[in-house]
């Protein structure tokens, strides 16, 4: 079910190492900074993808109807 690095014991080990390095007082600040970084990364990648999609779409010019009066 759990494969690779995201096994529960690995996550606990990573949390313990982070707690030892940063300490319990700095842990909320580290989480807040990581959240801001992730949010900014998502915003940047989504805007880049939107611009790329906009460039790929062909520009469709609507045909104008001409009315001739006689």
C-alpha atoms as a PDB file:
ATOM      1  CA  UNK A   1       0.000   0.000   0.000  1.00  0.00           C
ATOM      2  CA  UNK A   2       2.686   2.508   1.001  1.00  0.00           C
ATOM      3  CA  UNK A   3       5.668   2.492  -1.298  1.00  0.00           C
ATOM      4  CA  UNK A   4       8.903   4.377  -1.564  1.00  0.00           C
ATOM      5  CA  UNK A   5       9.822   7.256   0.702  1.00  0.00           C
ATOM      6  CA  UNK A   6       6.281   7.908   1.971  1.00  0.00           C
ATOM      7  CA  UNK A   7       6.090   4.940   4.313  1.00  0.00           C
ATOM      8  CA  UNK A   8       4.824   5.895   7.788  1.00  0.00           C
ATOM      9  CA  UNK A   9       8.115   5.029   9.496  1.00  0.00           C
ATOM     10  CA  UNK A  10      10.048   7.157   7.007  1.00  0.00           C
ATOM     11  CA  UNK A  11       7.746  10.113   7.608  1.00  0.00           C
ATOM     12  CA  UNK A  12       8.212   9.805  11.376  1.00  0.00           C
ATOM     13  CA  UNK A  13      11.997   9.659  10.920  1.00  0.00           C
ATOM     14  CA  UNK A  14      11.942  12.767   8.698  1.00  0.00           C
ATOM     15  CA  UNK A  15       9.801  14.613  11.267  1.00  0.00           C
ATOM     16  CA  UNK A  16      12.232  13.708  14.084  1.00  0.00           C
ATOM     17  CA  UNK A  17      15.234  14.924  12.057  1.00  0.00           C
ATOM     18  CA  UNK A  18      13.468  18.207  11.209  1.00  0.00           C
ATOM     19  CA  UNK A  19      12.551  18.668  14.874  1.00  0.00           C
ATOM     20  CA  UNK A  20      16.175  18.112  15.930  1.00  0.00           C
ATOM     21  CA  UNK A  21      17.533  20.535  13.312  1.00  0.00           C
ATOM     22  CA  UNK A  22      15.045  23.394  13.726  1.00  0.00           C
ATOM     23  CA  UNK A  23      13.672  22.807  17.204  1.00  0.00           C
ATOM     24  CA  UNK A  24      10.040  22.917  18.295  1.00  0.00           C
ATOM     25  CA  UNK A  25       9.978  26.739  18.458  1.00  0.00           C
ATOM     26  CA  UNK A  26      10.949  27.279  14.831  1.00  0.00           C
ATOM     27  CA  UNK A  27       8.826  24.465  13.395  1.00  0.00           C
ATOM     28  CA  UNK A  28       5.702  26.632  12.799  1.00  0.00           C
ATOM     29  CA  UNK A  29       7.818  29.280  11.050  1.00  0.00           C
ATOM     30  CA  UNK A  30       9.434  26.645   8.831  1.00  0.00           C
ATOM     31  CA  UNK A  31       6.017  25.224   7.928  1.00  0.00           C
ATOM     32  CA  UNK A  32       4.678  28.688   7.150  1.00  0.00           C
ATOM     33  CA  UNK A  33       7.662  29.476   4.910  1.00  0.00           C
ATOM     34  CA  UNK A  34       7.320  26.143   3.089  1.00  0.00           C
ATOM     35  CA  UNK A  35       3.602  26.778   2.561  1.00  0.00           C
ATOM     36  CA  UNK A  36       4.263  30.228   1.089  1.00  0.00           C
ATOM     37  CA  UNK A  37       6.965  28.829  -1.180  1.00  0.00           C
ATOM     38  CA  UNK A  38       4.706  26.046  -2.425  1.00  0.00           C
ATOM     39  CA  UNK A  39       1.830  28.464  -3.028  1.00  0.00           C
ATOM     40  CA  UNK A  40       4.089  30.825  -5.006  1.00  0.00           C
ATOM     41  CA  UNK A  41       5.482  27.914  -7.035  1.00  0.00           C
ATOM     42  CA  UNK A  42       1.976  26.716  -7.918  1.00  0.00           C
ATOM     43  CA  UNK A  43       0.921  30.231  -8.886  1.00  0.00           C
ATOM     44  CA  UNK A  44       3.976  30.673 -11.112  1.00  0.00           C
ATOM     45  CA  UNK A  45       3.603  27.323 -12.842  1.00  0.00           C
ATOM     46  CA  UNK A  46      -0.141  27.743 -13.415  1.00  0.00           C
ATOM     47  CA  UNK A  47       0.324  31.199 -14.936  1.00  0.00           C
ATOM     48  CA  UNK A  48       3.112  29.869 -17.163  1.00  0.00           C
ATOM     49  CA  UNK A  49       0.869  27.009 -18.323  1.00  0.00           C
ATOM     50  CA  UNK A  50      -2.003  29.413 -19.023  1.00  0.00           C
ATOM     51  CA  UNK A  51       0.270  31.629 -21.129  1.00  0.00           C
ATOM     52  CA  UNK A  52       1.545  28.583 -23.016  1.00  0.00           C
ATOM     53  CA  UNK A  53      -1.997  27.401 -23.743  1.00  0.00           C
ATOM     54  CA  UNK A  54      -3.008  30.882 -24.856  1.00  0.00           C
ATOM     55  CA  UNK A  55      -0.096  30.975 -27.314  1.00  0.00           C
ATOM     56  CA  UNK A  56      -1.041  27.559 -28.734  1.00  0.00           C
ATOM     57  CA  UNK A  57      -4.683  28.429 -29.435  1.00  0.00           C
ATOM     58  CA  UNK A  58      -5.178  29.689 -32.975  1.00  0.00           C
ATOM     59  CA  UNK A  59      -6.676  33.136 -33.263  1.00  0.00           C
ATOM     60  CA  UNK A  60     -10.129  32.837 -34.789  1.00  0.00           C
ATOM     61  CA  UNK A  61     -11.336  36.001 -36.467  1.00  0.00           C
ATOM     62  CA  UNK A  62     -15.104  36.096 -36.855  1.00  0.00           C
ATOM     63  CA  UNK A  63     -16.300  36.671 -40.395  1.00  0.00           C
ATOM     64  CA  UNK A  64     -18.091  39.955 -40.894  1.00  0.00           C
ATOM     65  CA  UNK A  65     -21.353  39.900 -42.737  1.00  0.00           C
ATOM     66  CA  UNK A  66     -21.592  42.392 -45.540  1.00  0.00           C
ATOM     67  CA  UNK A  67     -24.934  43.793 -46.500  1.00  0.00           C
ATOM     68  CA  UNK A  68     -25.260  45.340 -49.876  1.00  0.00           C
ATOM     69  CA  UNK A  69     -28.016  47.732 -50.661  1.00  0.00           C
ATOM     70  CA  UNK A  70     -29.172  48.205 -54.232  1.00  0.00           C
END
